[in-house]
Amino acid sequence: MSRVVVISGGGTGIGRATAELFARAGDRVVLVGRRADPLKRTADEITETLARHGAGDDPHGAGAGTSTGSGAGAGAGAEVTTVVADLSETAGARHVRDVVREQFGRVDVLVNSAGGNAAFGSPAGDGDPLDETAEHWLGNFRSNVLTAVLLTEALRDLLASPGGRVVLVSSIAAYRGSGSGSYGASKAALHPYTYDLAAALGPRGITVNAVAPGYVADTEFFRDTLAPERERTLVGQTLNGRAGVPDDVARTVRWLAAPESSHVTAQIVQVNGGAERGR
């Protein structure tokens, strides 16, 4: 039976790569995000790809894509739909809950991939530095903590019991800092939430884990914000000498969501080429 997979931040980057993997496996994928256009574009491309090539294990063998609806050549039950919502607001999380409950009745896998760094793209400004600090810290708390917590709590009662899976996307910055303080701190806040939620949901047969990516190329998070010298430094910190790609993280998420991973819970899985250890 196909599973119902809800992915926040599913229109781009890691969220999109994760959606491709689950859709290719024949699951019913619900993409959630603030911007309608990236969600629709991703849904359309994935669906079109599945219709042309069918399901398979390698998302790159048949290209990248998605769409709203079922792909005729996809695995049984494959479907990609979208829900536009601001998950940093309780109203947005409630909206997702209402849609998912009405259309699917349950959630088998929840992937909290939405997030960002409020310091990126912020104008230098001539205002009070203390005001700017408050703006960055509050912005990162809303983008990285509330988006995960509010959606998870809204869908908590819909999680399949047993067998439900919750995966949160943290960051290497939670361990090594981010240069600004607020981004790394907001990601670190997800770790105790992961542990507490795993303890609370464990008796229902639900696992809760997080992944901590490092530098992941080909994502909006780093696009146009990383100087070549900084990129070389980040790659040099890895033990395998390469940047991560969205599929590295997506495949780890899929493994954590697999039935075979039912005894893995309350873990923060490093997906950063060993850079978390420092070099």
Protein backbone atom coordinates (compact mmCIF):
# COMPACT_ATOMS: atom_id res chain seq x y z
CA MET A 1 0.00 0.00 0.00
CA SER A 2 1.34 3.43 -0.89
CA ARG A 3 2.19 5.71 2.01
CA VAL A 4 1.12 9.31 2.61
CA VAL A 5 4.25 11.45 2.81
CA VAL A 6 4.07 15.13 3.84
CA ILE A 7 7.16 17.20 3.02
CA SER A 8 7.54 20.82 4.07
CA GLY A 9 9.81 22.95 1.93
CA GLY A 10 9.11 20.42 -0.80
CA GLY A 11 9.35 22.77 -3.76
CA THR A 12 13.12 23.13 -3.87
CA GLY A 13 16.45 21.65 -2.79
CA ILE A 14 16.47 18.85 -0.24
CA GLY A 15 12.68 18.81 0.03
CA ARG A 16 12.28 18.40 -3.69
CA ALA A 17 14.86 15.61 -3.91
CA THR A 18 13.10 13.82 -1.08
CA ALA A 19 9.74 14.19 -2.80
CA GLU A 20 11.16 12.66 -5.98
CA LEU A 21 12.37 9.56 -4.13
CA PHE A 22 9.09 8.91 -2.35
CA ALA A 23 7.00 9.58 -5.46
CA ARG A 24 9.18 7.24 -7.47
CA ALA A 25 8.48 4.55 -4.86
CA GLY A 26 4.76 4.95 -5.53
CA ASP A 27 3.88 7.00 -2.45
CA ARG A 28 1.34 9.79 -2.24
CA VAL A 29 3.39 12.93 -1.64
CA VAL A 30 2.06 16.21 -0.26
CA LEU A 31 4.35 19.19 -0.87
CA VAL A 32 3.93 22.09 1.57
CA GLY A 33 5.43 25.57 1.33
CA ARG A 34 4.79 29.31 1.31
CA ARG A 35 5.27 29.85 -2.43
CA ALA A 36 2.74 28.40 -4.83
CA ASP A 37 4.86 28.60 -8.00
CA PRO A 38 7.83 26.41 -6.90
CA LEU A 39 5.43 23.86 -5.41
CA LYS A 40 3.36 23.61 -8.57
CA ARG A 41 6.42 23.51 -10.81
CA THR A 42 7.96 20.70 -8.76
CA ALA A 43 4.70 18.76 -8.63
CA ASP A 44 4.19 19.09 -12.39
CA GLU A 45 7.74 18.06 -13.23
CA ILE A 46 7.75 15.01 -10.95
CA THR A 47 4.41 13.82 -12.24
CA GLU A 48 5.45 14.27 -15.86
CA THR A 49 8.66 12.35 -15.24
CA LEU A 50 6.81 9.49 -13.60
CA ALA A 51 4.31 9.39 -16.44
CA ARG A 52 7.12 9.13 -19.00
CA HIS A 53 9.48 6.76 -17.23
CA GLY A 54 7.56 5.07 -14.44
CA ALA A 55 8.82 4.30 -10.97
CA GLY A 56 12.39 3.34 -10.21
CA ASP A 57 15.03 3.60 -7.52
CA ASP A 58 17.34 6.14 -9.14
CA PRO A 59 15.79 9.60 -9.42
CA HIS A 60 18.54 10.74 -11.78
CA GLY A 61 18.26 7.86 -14.19
CA ALA A 62 14.99 9.23 -15.52
CA GLY A 63 15.62 12.88 -14.81
CA ALA A 64 14.14 15.15 -12.16
CA GLY A 65 10.50 16.10 -12.04
CA THR A 66 6.97 16.26 -10.47
CA SER A 67 3.22 17.13 -10.88
CA THR A 68 -0.18 17.30 -9.27
CA GLY A 69 -2.02 14.08 -9.78
CA SER A 70 -1.04 10.49 -10.59
CA GLY A 71 1.55 9.53 -13.17
CA ALA A 72 0.24 6.84 -15.49
CA GLY A 73 3.60 5.09 -15.62
CA ALA A 74 4.36 5.49 -11.94
CA GLY A 75 4.23 2.87 -9.24
CA ALA A 76 0.79 2.04 -7.91
CA GLY A 77 -0.63 4.96 -5.95
CA ALA A 78 2.06 7.51 -6.89
CA GLU A 79 0.64 11.01 -6.55
CA VAL A 80 1.96 14.51 -5.86
CA THR A 81 -0.24 17.27 -4.49
CA THR A 82 0.52 20.70 -3.04
CA VAL A 83 -0.65 22.79 -0.12
CA VAL A 84 0.36 26.44 0.16
CA ALA A 85 0.80 27.51 3.77
CA ASP A 86 3.04 29.62 6.00
CA LEU A 87 4.10 27.06 8.58
CA SER A 88 5.52 29.67 10.93
CA GLU A 89 1.90 30.59 11.70
CA THR A 90 -0.57 28.40 13.55
CA ALA A 91 -3.20 29.09 10.89
CA GLY A 92 -0.91 27.67 8.20
CA ALA A 93 -0.24 24.48 10.15
CA ARG A 94 -3.97 24.05 10.83
CA HIS A 95 -4.71 24.48 7.14
CA VAL A 96 -2.30 21.68 6.23
CA ARG A 97 -3.81 19.45 8.91
CA ASP A 98 -7.34 20.06 7.61
CA VAL A 99 -6.39 19.35 3.99
CA VAL A 100 -4.43 16.20 4.83
CA ARG A 101 -7.13 14.88 7.13
CA GLU A 102 -9.84 15.45 4.53
CA GLN A 103 -7.94 14.08 1.52
CA PHE A 104 -5.87 11.28 3.08
CA GLY A 105 -6.97 10.67 6.66
CA ARG A 106 -3.47 9.88 7.91
CA VAL A 107 0.25 10.66 7.62
CA ASP A 108 2.76 7.83 7.29
CA VAL A 109 5.88 9.98 6.88
CA LEU A 110 6.43 13.62 7.84
CA VAL A 111 9.59 15.35 6.61
CA ASN A 112 10.23 18.82 8.04
CA SER A 113 12.52 20.33 5.41
CA ALA A 114 11.30 23.95 5.43
CA GLY A 115 13.79 26.50 6.72
CA GLY A 116 16.34 29.13 5.84
CA ASN A 117 18.69 31.75 7.20
CA ALA A 118 17.06 35.09 7.93
CA ALA A 119 20.45 36.78 7.71
CA PHE A 120 20.80 35.90 4.01
CA GLY A 121 19.60 38.66 1.74
CA SER A 122 18.89 41.06 4.58
CA PRO A 123 19.78 44.65 3.71
CA ALA A 124 22.72 46.05 5.60
CA GLY A 125 20.52 48.81 6.92
CA ASP A 126 21.38 51.90 8.91
CA GLY A 127 19.20 51.00 11.85
CA ASP A 128 20.06 50.02 15.37
CA PRO A 129 22.29 46.88 15.29
CA LEU A 130 20.33 45.53 18.24
CA ASP A 131 17.13 45.71 16.20
CA GLU A 132 18.83 43.83 13.36
CA THR A 133 20.03 41.17 15.79
CA ALA A 134 16.52 40.72 17.13
CA GLU A 135 15.16 40.50 13.58
CA HIS A 136 17.64 37.78 12.60
CA TRP A 137 17.10 35.70 15.74
CA LEU A 138 13.32 35.93 15.57
CA GLY A 139 13.36 35.29 11.83
CA ASN A 140 15.45 32.15 12.18
CA PHE A 141 13.36 30.89 15.07
CA ARG A 142 10.23 31.25 12.96
CA SER A 143 11.81 29.78 9.81
CA ASN A 144 13.56 26.79 11.35
CA VAL A 145 11.85 25.99 14.64
CA LEU A 146 8.21 27.02 14.36
CA THR A 147 7.85 25.64 10.83
CA ALA A 148 8.86 22.20 12.08
CA VAL A 149 7.18 22.23 15.47
CA LEU A 150 3.82 23.67 14.41
CA LEU A 151 3.43 21.31 11.45
CA THR A 152 4.46 18.28 13.50
CA GLU A 153 2.10 19.13 16.35
CA ALA A 154 -0.75 19.86 13.92
CA LEU A 155 -0.32 16.43 12.28
CA ARG A 156 0.57 14.54 15.47
CA ASP A 157 -2.78 12.79 15.85
CA LEU A 158 -2.80 11.82 12.15
CA LEU A 159 0.55 9.99 12.29
CA ALA A 160 0.17 6.30 11.50
CA SER A 161 0.30 4.17 14.64
CA PRO A 162 2.32 2.01 14.48
CA GLY A 163 4.74 2.71 11.65
CA GLY A 164 4.71 6.51 11.46
CA ARG A 165 7.96 8.30 10.72
CA VAL A 166 9.00 11.89 11.50
CA VAL A 167 12.25 13.33 10.14
CA LEU A 168 13.49 16.85 10.85
CA VAL A 169 16.20 18.60 8.84
CA SER A 170 18.79 20.17 11.13
CA SER A 171 22.25 21.37 10.08
CA ILE A 172 25.95 20.98 10.76
CA ALA A 173 25.65 24.57 12.01
CA ALA A 174 23.93 23.21 15.12
CA TYR A 175 27.32 21.71 16.05
CA ARG A 176 29.84 24.07 14.52
CA GLY A 177 28.02 27.40 14.42
CA SER A 178 27.03 29.42 11.39
CA GLY A 179 28.90 32.66 11.85
CA SER A 180 25.77 34.53 12.90
CA GLY A 181 24.71 32.51 15.91
CA SER A 182 20.99 32.63 15.25
CA TYR A 183 20.82 30.10 12.40
CA GLY A 184 22.88 27.42 14.15
CA ALA A 185 21.01 28.00 17.40
CA SER A 186 17.64 27.62 15.69
CA LYS A 187 18.70 24.32 14.14
CA ALA A 188 20.13 23.11 17.45
CA ALA A 189 16.72 23.73 19.04
CA LEU A 190 15.34 20.91 16.89
CA HIS A 191 17.53 18.33 18.63
CA PRO A 192 15.89 18.27 22.08
CA TYR A 193 12.52 18.48 20.34
CA THR A 194 13.51 15.37 18.36
CA TYR A 195 14.46 13.52 21.55
CA ASP A 196 11.33 14.54 23.47
CA LEU A 197 9.02 13.76 20.55
CA ALA A 198 10.66 10.36 20.04
CA ALA A 199 10.00 9.53 23.68
CA ALA A 200 6.40 10.70 23.47
CA LEU A 201 5.57 8.91 20.21
CA GLY A 202 7.63 5.77 20.76
CA PRO A 203 4.79 3.91 22.53
CA ARG A 204 2.70 4.44 19.38
CA GLY A 205 5.36 2.75 17.24
CA ILE A 206 6.43 6.05 15.66
CA THR A 207 10.08 6.98 15.18
CA VAL A 208 11.47 10.52 15.24
CA ASN A 209 14.91 11.40 13.90
CA ALA A 210 16.81 14.33 12.41
CA VAL A 211 19.47 14.70 9.75
CA ALA A 212 22.28 17.25 9.90
CA PRO A 213 23.52 18.19 6.41
CA GLY A 214 26.64 20.25 5.80
CA TYR A 215 27.34 22.20 2.63
CA VAL A 216 24.81 21.03 0.05
CA ALA A 217 25.29 22.41 -3.45
CA ASP A 218 22.43 23.07 -5.88
CA THR A 219 20.08 24.47 -3.26
CA GLU A 220 18.49 27.88 -2.81
CA PHE A 221 20.08 28.10 0.62
CA PHE A 222 23.60 28.51 -0.81
CA ARG A 223 22.83 29.81 -4.30
CA ASP A 224 24.38 33.24 -4.97
CA THR A 225 25.49 33.55 -1.34
CA LEU A 226 28.72 31.56 -1.31
CA ALA A 227 32.01 33.03 -2.46
CA PRO A 228 34.32 30.58 -4.30
CA GLU A 229 36.89 30.77 -1.50
CA ARG A 230 34.26 29.92 1.10
CA GLU A 231 33.03 27.01 -1.01
CA ARG A 232 36.56 25.61 -1.23
CA THR A 233 36.87 25.90 2.54
CA LEU A 234 33.62 24.02 3.15
CA VAL A 235 34.52 21.25 0.72
CA GLY A 236 37.98 21.06 2.28
CA GLN A 237 36.43 20.37 5.68
CA THR A 238 34.83 17.16 4.43
CA LEU A 239 36.67 13.87 4.73
CA ASN A 240 35.61 12.69 1.28
CA GLY A 241 36.54 15.89 -0.53
CA ARG A 242 33.25 16.86 -2.12
CA ALA A 243 30.19 19.00 -1.59
CA GLY A 244 26.95 17.32 -0.67
CA VAL A 245 24.02 17.19 -3.08
CA PRO A 246 20.30 17.13 -2.21
CA ASP A 247 20.06 13.44 -3.05
CA ASP A 248 22.59 12.59 -0.31
CA VAL A 249 20.18 13.93 2.28
CA ALA A 250 17.05 12.63 0.55
CA ARG A 251 18.30 9.05 0.53
CA THR A 252 19.14 9.25 4.24
CA VAL A 253 15.65 10.56 4.95
CA ARG A 254 14.15 7.73 2.95
CA TRP A 255 16.22 5.19 4.90
CA LEU A 256 15.03 6.65 8.21
CA ALA A 257 11.46 6.41 6.93
CA ALA A 258 11.77 2.79 5.82
CA PRO A 259 9.97 0.01 7.70
CA GLU A 260 13.36 -1.62 8.27
CA SER A 261 14.48 1.38 10.35
CA SER A 262 11.84 0.90 13.04
CA HIS A 263 14.47 0.53 15.79
CA VAL A 264 16.26 3.77 14.89
CA THR A 265 14.80 6.72 16.78
CA ALA A 266 15.91 9.84 18.71
CA GLN A 267 19.01 10.12 16.48
CA ILE A 268 20.70 13.06 14.75
CA VAL A 269 22.26 11.55 11.63
CA GLN A 270 25.23 13.42 10.16
CA VAL A 271 25.08 13.82 6.36
CA ASN A 272 28.02 16.11 5.79
CA GLY A 273 30.98 14.06 4.59
CA GLY A 274 32.47 14.01 8.07
CA ALA A 275 32.78 17.81 8.22
CA GLU A 276 31.01 17.84 11.59
CA ARG A 277 34.19 16.34 13.07
CA GLY A 278 36.25 19.27 11.90
CA ARG A 279 39.42 19.32 9.90
